[in-house]
């Protein structure tokens, strides 16, 4: 298992869309947040249709949050964005923003650990709706 520091958050993304998505960027927030080894998004990397990837961020400072954001394009008129945070207060959350072609479903997974959280995001195609 990779070093996850004092506090961490990992997000597994499942691309169930009908397109490949491209990472436009990923960045950590805060002076003490760093990517978990092997879980850093790479700019211009392609996430093929029906693929799965895990991104994770950590901090070794017990008074700091572990937080980061990732932006993807490739389907829809706007980028898809997600922000992941495991705050010093103990609250963990992922804030995904879909677009006109991608609907994002998010669920937190049970890790059994207070300072380490995991989420699963499923990127799904927006289904046409009848009037």
N, C-alpha and C. Protein backbone atom coordinates (compact mmCIF):
# COMPACT_ATOMS: atom_id res chain seq x y z
N UNK A 1 0.84 -1.18 0.00
CA UNK A 1 0.00 0.00 0.00
C UNK A 1 0.88 1.24 0.00
N UNK A 2 0.49 2.22 -0.76
CA UNK A 2 1.23 3.48 -0.85
C UNK A 2 1.12 4.24 0.47
N UNK A 3 2.13 5.05 0.75
CA UNK A 3 2.10 5.92 1.92
C UNK A 3 0.95 6.90 1.75
N UNK A 4 0.07 6.96 2.74
CA UNK A 4 -1.08 7.86 2.65
C UNK A 4 -1.01 8.97 3.68
N UNK A 5 0.17 9.16 4.30
CA UNK A 5 0.34 10.26 5.22
C UNK A 5 -0.53 10.15 6.46
N UNK A 6 -0.77 11.29 7.11
CA UNK A 6 -1.62 11.34 8.30
C UNK A 6 -3.10 11.34 7.90
N UNK A 7 -3.41 12.04 6.80
CA UNK A 7 -4.79 12.19 6.34
C UNK A 7 -4.77 12.07 4.83
N UNK A 8 -5.75 11.37 4.26
CA UNK A 8 -5.78 11.23 2.79
C UNK A 8 -7.20 11.05 2.29
N UNK A 9 -7.33 11.23 0.99
CA UNK A 9 -8.58 10.98 0.29
C UNK A 9 -8.24 10.42 -1.09
N UNK A 10 -8.94 9.35 -1.46
CA UNK A 10 -8.75 8.72 -2.76
C UNK A 10 -10.09 8.68 -3.48
N UNK A 11 -10.05 8.95 -4.78
CA UNK A 11 -11.26 8.94 -5.60
C UNK A 11 -11.03 8.00 -6.77
N UNK A 12 -11.87 7.00 -6.89
CA UNK A 12 -11.84 6.09 -8.03
C UNK A 12 -12.91 6.55 -9.00
N UNK A 13 -12.50 6.83 -10.24
CA UNK A 13 -13.42 7.33 -11.27
C UNK A 13 -13.65 6.23 -12.30
N UNK A 14 -14.91 5.97 -12.59
CA UNK A 14 -15.30 4.99 -13.60
C UNK A 14 -15.90 5.75 -14.77
N UNK A 15 -15.30 5.62 -15.94
CA UNK A 15 -15.78 6.33 -17.13
C UNK A 15 -16.78 5.44 -17.89
N UNK A 16 -18.05 5.61 -17.59
CA UNK A 16 -19.12 4.87 -18.27
C UNK A 16 -19.72 5.65 -19.43
N UNK A 17 -19.04 6.72 -19.85
CA UNK A 17 -19.55 7.52 -20.96
C UNK A 17 -19.25 6.81 -22.27
N UNK A 18 -19.69 7.42 -23.34
CA UNK A 18 -19.44 6.87 -24.68
C UNK A 18 -18.26 7.55 -25.35
N UNK A 19 -17.30 8.03 -24.54
CA UNK A 19 -16.17 8.78 -25.09
C UNK A 19 -14.95 8.62 -24.20
N UNK A 20 -13.79 8.89 -24.77
CA UNK A 20 -12.57 9.00 -23.99
C UNK A 20 -12.50 10.41 -23.42
N UNK A 21 -12.03 10.52 -22.19
CA UNK A 21 -11.88 11.81 -21.54
C UNK A 21 -10.40 12.13 -21.40
N UNK A 22 -10.05 13.40 -21.42
CA UNK A 22 -8.67 13.83 -21.35
C UNK A 22 -8.47 14.69 -20.10
N UNK A 23 -7.44 14.37 -19.32
CA UNK A 23 -7.11 15.15 -18.13
C UNK A 23 -6.51 16.48 -18.58
N UNK A 24 -7.17 17.56 -18.23
CA UNK A 24 -6.67 18.90 -18.56
C UNK A 24 -5.76 19.43 -17.47
N UNK A 25 -5.91 18.89 -16.27
CA UNK A 25 -5.05 19.33 -15.19
C UNK A 25 -5.50 18.76 -13.87
N UNK A 26 -4.56 18.71 -12.95
CA UNK A 26 -4.83 18.29 -11.59
C UNK A 26 -3.91 19.07 -10.68
N UNK A 27 -4.44 19.55 -9.58
CA UNK A 27 -3.60 20.33 -8.67
C UNK A 27 -4.01 20.08 -7.23
N UNK A 28 -3.01 20.12 -6.36
CA UNK A 28 -3.29 20.02 -4.94
C UNK A 28 -3.58 21.42 -4.41
N UNK A 29 -4.30 21.48 -3.32
CA UNK A 29 -4.62 22.77 -2.70
C UNK A 29 -4.02 22.79 -1.30
N UNK A 30 -3.37 23.83 -0.96
CA UNK A 30 -2.76 23.94 0.36
C UNK A 30 -1.30 23.56 0.32
N UNK A 31 -0.55 24.15 1.19
CA UNK A 31 0.90 23.98 1.20
C UNK A 31 1.33 22.57 1.59
N UNK A 32 0.49 21.83 2.29
CA UNK A 32 0.90 20.53 2.81
C UNK A 32 0.26 19.33 2.10
N UNK A 33 -0.49 19.56 1.04
CA UNK A 33 -1.11 18.46 0.29
C UNK A 33 -0.18 18.00 -0.82
N UNK A 34 -0.04 16.69 -0.96
CA UNK A 34 0.74 16.11 -2.05
C UNK A 34 -0.01 14.90 -2.60
N UNK A 35 0.26 14.59 -3.86
CA UNK A 35 -0.37 13.41 -4.47
C UNK A 35 0.19 12.14 -3.85
N UNK A 36 -0.64 11.14 -3.68
CA UNK A 36 -0.20 9.82 -3.24
C UNK A 36 0.58 9.20 -4.40
N UNK A 37 1.68 8.52 -4.09
CA UNK A 37 2.52 7.91 -5.13
C UNK A 37 1.67 7.01 -6.03
N UNK A 38 1.78 7.24 -7.35
CA UNK A 38 1.04 6.44 -8.32
C UNK A 38 -0.41 6.87 -8.53
N UNK A 39 -0.85 7.92 -7.83
CA UNK A 39 -2.25 8.34 -7.92
C UNK A 39 -2.37 9.82 -8.32
N UNK A 40 -1.40 10.30 -9.07
CA UNK A 40 -1.40 11.69 -9.54
C UNK A 40 -1.95 11.73 -10.97
N UNK A 41 -2.93 12.60 -11.25
CA UNK A 41 -3.41 12.74 -12.63
C UNK A 41 -2.34 13.39 -13.50
N UNK A 42 -2.19 12.91 -14.70
CA UNK A 42 -1.19 13.43 -15.63
C UNK A 42 -1.89 14.23 -16.72
N UNK A 43 -1.50 15.50 -16.86
CA UNK A 43 -2.10 16.35 -17.89
C UNK A 43 -1.94 15.71 -19.26
N UNK A 44 -2.99 15.75 -20.03
CA UNK A 44 -3.09 15.20 -21.39
C UNK A 44 -3.24 13.68 -21.43
N UNK A 45 -3.27 13.01 -20.27
CA UNK A 45 -3.50 11.56 -20.29
C UNK A 45 -4.96 11.30 -20.65
N UNK A 46 -5.17 10.19 -21.33
CA UNK A 46 -6.51 9.83 -21.81
C UNK A 46 -7.11 8.77 -20.89
N UNK A 47 -8.36 8.98 -20.54
CA UNK A 47 -9.14 8.01 -19.79
C UNK A 47 -10.13 7.39 -20.77
N UNK A 48 -9.79 6.21 -21.33
CA UNK A 48 -10.66 5.61 -22.35
C UNK A 48 -12.06 5.27 -21.83
N UNK A 49 -12.96 5.13 -22.76
CA UNK A 49 -14.33 4.70 -22.45
C UNK A 49 -14.28 3.41 -21.64
N UNK A 50 -15.08 3.35 -20.59
CA UNK A 50 -15.22 2.19 -19.70
C UNK A 50 -13.97 1.88 -18.89
N UNK A 51 -13.07 2.84 -18.72
CA UNK A 51 -11.87 2.61 -17.91
C UNK A 51 -12.08 3.11 -16.49
N UNK A 52 -11.14 2.73 -15.62
CA UNK A 52 -11.18 3.11 -14.21
C UNK A 52 -9.82 3.66 -13.82
N UNK A 53 -9.82 4.75 -13.05
CA UNK A 53 -8.58 5.34 -12.56
C UNK A 53 -8.79 5.80 -11.12
N UNK A 54 -7.71 5.76 -10.32
CA UNK A 54 -7.78 6.26 -8.94
C UNK A 54 -6.79 7.40 -8.77
N UNK A 55 -7.29 8.50 -8.21
CA UNK A 55 -6.46 9.65 -7.87
C UNK A 55 -6.55 9.85 -6.37
N UNK A 56 -5.41 10.19 -5.75
CA UNK A 56 -5.41 10.37 -4.30
C UNK A 56 -4.45 11.46 -3.86
N UNK A 57 -4.80 12.11 -2.77
CA UNK A 57 -3.99 13.19 -2.21
C UNK A 57 -3.88 12.97 -0.70
N UNK A 58 -2.76 13.41 -0.15
CA UNK A 58 -2.51 13.20 1.28
C UNK A 58 -1.80 14.40 1.88
N UNK A 59 -1.75 14.40 3.21
CA UNK A 59 -0.94 15.35 3.96
C UNK A 59 -0.33 14.61 5.15
N UNK A 60 0.86 15.01 5.55
CA UNK A 60 1.49 14.44 6.74
C UNK A 60 1.28 15.35 7.96
N UNK A 61 0.64 16.48 7.75
CA UNK A 61 0.40 17.47 8.81
C UNK A 61 -1.00 17.26 9.39
N UNK A 62 -1.07 16.90 10.66
CA UNK A 62 -2.37 16.61 11.26
C UNK A 62 -3.28 17.83 11.36
N UNK A 63 -2.74 19.02 11.21
CA UNK A 63 -3.55 20.24 11.27
C UNK A 63 -3.95 20.76 9.89
N UNK A 64 -3.65 20.01 8.85
CA UNK A 64 -3.94 20.46 7.48
C UNK A 64 -4.93 19.52 6.79
N UNK A 65 -5.55 20.06 5.78
CA UNK A 65 -6.46 19.27 4.94
C UNK A 65 -5.67 18.63 3.81
N UNK A 66 -6.16 17.50 3.34
CA UNK A 66 -5.65 16.89 2.10
C UNK A 66 -6.69 17.24 1.04
N UNK A 67 -6.30 18.04 0.05
CA UNK A 67 -7.29 18.45 -0.95
C UNK A 67 -6.64 18.65 -2.31
N UNK A 68 -7.46 18.41 -3.35
CA UNK A 68 -6.98 18.53 -4.73
C UNK A 68 -8.17 18.66 -5.66
N UNK A 69 -7.88 19.01 -6.92
CA UNK A 69 -8.93 19.07 -7.94
C UNK A 69 -8.38 18.50 -9.24
N UNK A 70 -9.30 18.00 -10.07
CA UNK A 70 -8.96 17.44 -11.37
C UNK A 70 -10.00 17.94 -12.37
N UNK A 71 -9.55 18.29 -13.58
CA UNK A 71 -10.43 18.75 -14.65
C UNK A 71 -10.24 17.86 -15.87
N UNK A 72 -11.37 17.44 -16.48
CA UNK A 72 -11.35 16.58 -17.67
C UNK A 72 -12.21 17.17 -18.77
N UNK A 73 -11.84 16.90 -20.02
CA UNK A 73 -12.64 17.31 -21.17
C UNK A 73 -12.76 16.11 -22.11
N UNK A 74 -13.54 16.30 -23.17
CA UNK A 74 -13.66 15.26 -24.19
C UNK A 74 -15.08 14.91 -24.55
N UNK A 75 -16.03 15.34 -23.71
CA UNK A 75 -17.44 15.09 -23.99
C UNK A 75 -18.24 16.20 -23.32
N UNK A 76 -19.03 16.89 -24.10
CA UNK A 76 -19.82 17.98 -23.55
C UNK A 76 -19.21 19.34 -23.83
N UNK A 77 -20.02 20.37 -23.57
CA UNK A 77 -19.61 21.74 -23.88
C UNK A 77 -18.71 22.36 -22.82
N UNK A 78 -18.69 21.80 -21.61
CA UNK A 78 -17.86 22.34 -20.53
C UNK A 78 -17.02 21.20 -19.95
N UNK A 79 -15.92 21.55 -19.29
CA UNK A 79 -15.13 20.51 -18.63
C UNK A 79 -15.90 19.87 -17.47
N UNK A 80 -15.50 18.67 -17.11
CA UNK A 80 -15.99 18.01 -15.90
C UNK A 80 -14.93 18.25 -14.83
N UNK A 81 -15.39 18.63 -13.65
CA UNK A 81 -14.45 18.95 -12.59
C UNK A 81 -14.80 18.16 -11.34
N UNK A 82 -13.78 17.85 -10.57
CA UNK A 82 -14.02 17.26 -9.26
C UNK A 82 -13.02 17.82 -8.26
N UNK A 83 -13.50 18.06 -7.07
CA UNK A 83 -12.67 18.54 -5.98
C UNK A 83 -12.81 17.53 -4.86
N UNK A 84 -11.67 17.09 -4.32
CA UNK A 84 -11.67 16.13 -3.22
C UNK A 84 -11.02 16.77 -2.00
N UNK A 85 -11.63 16.54 -0.84
CA UNK A 85 -11.13 17.15 0.39
C UNK A 85 -11.31 16.22 1.58
N UNK A 86 -10.28 16.08 2.37
CA UNK A 86 -10.37 15.46 3.68
C UNK A 86 -9.86 16.52 4.64
N UNK A 87 -10.78 17.19 5.28
CA UNK A 87 -10.48 18.37 6.08
C UNK A 87 -9.90 18.01 7.45
N UNK A 88 -9.19 18.96 8.06
CA UNK A 88 -8.61 18.76 9.38
C UNK A 88 -9.69 18.47 10.43
N UNK A 89 -10.91 18.93 10.18
CA UNK A 89 -12.02 18.68 11.09
C UNK A 89 -12.51 17.24 11.05
N UNK A 90 -12.04 16.47 10.04
CA UNK A 90 -12.48 15.08 9.90
C UNK A 90 -13.52 14.88 8.83
N UNK A 91 -14.05 15.96 8.27
CA UNK A 91 -15.05 15.84 7.21
C UNK A 91 -14.36 15.56 5.88
N UNK A 92 -14.89 14.56 5.16
CA UNK A 92 -14.39 14.24 3.82
C UNK A 92 -15.51 14.43 2.83
N UNK A 93 -15.16 14.99 1.65
CA UNK A 93 -16.18 15.17 0.63
C UNK A 93 -15.55 15.27 -0.74
N UNK A 94 -16.34 14.91 -1.73
CA UNK A 94 -15.96 15.09 -3.12
C UNK A 94 -17.06 15.92 -3.75
N UNK A 95 -16.67 16.97 -4.44
CA UNK A 95 -17.63 17.83 -5.12
C UNK A 95 -17.41 17.70 -6.61
N UNK A 96 -18.26 16.90 -7.29
CA UNK A 96 -18.13 16.75 -8.74
C UNK A 96 -19.06 17.72 -9.47
N UNK A 97 -18.61 18.20 -10.61
CA UNK A 97 -19.44 19.04 -11.46
C UNK A 97 -19.46 18.41 -12.84
N UNK A 98 -20.61 17.85 -13.22
CA UNK A 98 -20.76 17.27 -14.54
C UNK A 98 -20.98 18.35 -15.58
N UNK A 99 -21.49 17.95 -16.73
CA UNK A 99 -21.80 18.93 -17.77
C UNK A 99 -23.03 18.48 -18.54
N UNK A 100 -23.26 19.03 -19.72
CA UNK A 100 -24.46 18.73 -20.49
C UNK A 100 -24.49 17.31 -21.03
N UNK A 101 -23.37 16.59 -21.03
CA UNK A 101 -23.29 15.24 -21.57
C UNK A 101 -22.88 14.19 -20.55
N UNK A 102 -22.41 14.64 -19.37
CA UNK A 102 -21.92 13.70 -18.35
C UNK A 102 -22.63 13.97 -17.03
N UNK A 103 -23.23 12.91 -16.49
CA UNK A 103 -23.88 12.93 -15.19
C UNK A 103 -22.94 12.20 -14.23
N UNK A 104 -22.68 12.76 -13.06
CA UNK A 104 -21.74 12.15 -12.12
C UNK A 104 -22.50 11.62 -10.91
N UNK A 105 -22.28 10.35 -10.60
CA UNK A 105 -22.82 9.73 -9.39
C UNK A 105 -21.66 9.49 -8.44
N UNK A 106 -21.85 9.84 -7.17
CA UNK A 106 -20.77 9.79 -6.18
C UNK A 106 -21.23 9.02 -4.95
N UNK A 107 -20.35 8.14 -4.45
CA UNK A 107 -20.66 7.48 -3.18
C UNK A 107 -19.38 7.31 -2.38
N UNK A 108 -19.52 7.45 -1.06
CA UNK A 108 -18.37 7.25 -0.18
C UNK A 108 -18.29 5.79 0.20
N UNK A 109 -17.08 5.25 0.21
CA UNK A 109 -16.84 3.87 0.58
C UNK A 109 -16.35 3.81 2.02
N UNK A 110 -16.65 2.73 2.71
CA UNK A 110 -16.23 2.58 4.10
C UNK A 110 -14.80 2.08 4.15
N UNK A 111 -13.91 2.85 4.77
CA UNK A 111 -12.51 2.43 4.90
C UNK A 111 -12.21 1.87 6.28
N UNK A 112 -13.05 2.19 7.26
CA UNK A 112 -12.80 1.77 8.63
C UNK A 112 -11.70 2.59 9.30
N UNK A 113 -11.25 3.65 8.64
CA UNK A 113 -10.18 4.49 9.17
C UNK A 113 -10.67 5.94 9.24
N UNK A 114 -10.43 6.58 10.38
CA UNK A 114 -10.92 7.95 10.57
C UNK A 114 -10.26 8.97 9.65
N UNK A 115 -8.98 8.84 9.36
CA UNK A 115 -8.25 9.86 8.63
C UNK A 115 -8.06 9.56 7.15
N UNK A 116 -8.55 8.44 6.70
CA UNK A 116 -8.37 8.05 5.30
C UNK A 116 -9.73 7.72 4.70
N UNK A 117 -10.09 8.44 3.63
CA UNK A 117 -11.41 8.23 3.03
C UNK A 117 -11.27 7.86 1.56
N UNK A 118 -12.29 7.16 1.06
CA UNK A 118 -12.34 6.74 -0.33
C UNK A 118 -13.73 7.01 -0.89
N UNK A 119 -13.76 7.45 -2.15
CA UNK A 119 -15.00 7.70 -2.85
C UNK A 119 -14.95 7.02 -4.20
N UNK A 120 -16.13 6.73 -4.72
CA UNK A 120 -16.24 6.19 -6.07
C UNK A 120 -17.15 7.12 -6.87
N UNK A 121 -16.65 7.57 -8.02
CA UNK A 121 -17.42 8.42 -8.92
C UNK A 121 -17.66 7.66 -10.20
N UNK A 122 -18.88 7.69 -10.66
CA UNK A 122 -19.24 7.07 -11.93
C UNK A 122 -19.67 8.18 -12.89
N UNK A 123 -18.93 8.31 -13.99
CA UNK A 123 -19.29 9.27 -15.04
C UNK A 123 -20.20 8.54 -16.01
N UNK A 124 -21.44 8.99 -16.11
CA UNK A 124 -22.45 8.34 -16.95
C UNK A 124 -22.97 9.30 -18.01
N UNK A 125 -23.39 8.77 -19.16
CA UNK A 125 -23.95 9.66 -20.17
C UNK A 125 -25.28 10.23 -19.71
N UNK A 126 -25.52 11.49 -20.02
CA UNK A 126 -26.82 12.10 -19.73
C UNK A 126 -27.83 11.48 -20.68
N UNK A 127 -28.89 10.94 -20.13
CA UNK A 127 -29.92 10.30 -20.94
C UNK A 127 -30.92 11.34 -21.42
N UNK A 128 -31.35 11.24 -22.68
CA UNK A 128 -32.36 12.19 -23.18
C UNK A 128 -33.64 12.05 -22.37
N UNK A 129 -34.28 13.17 -22.15
CA UNK A 129 -35.54 13.16 -21.38
C UNK A 129 -36.68 13.66 -22.26
N UNK A 130 -37.79 12.98 -22.18
CA UNK A 130 -38.97 13.38 -22.93
C UNK A 130 -39.62 14.59 -22.28
N UNK A 131 -40.27 15.41 -23.08
CA UNK A 131 -40.97 16.59 -22.56
C UNK A 131 -42.35 16.20 -22.09
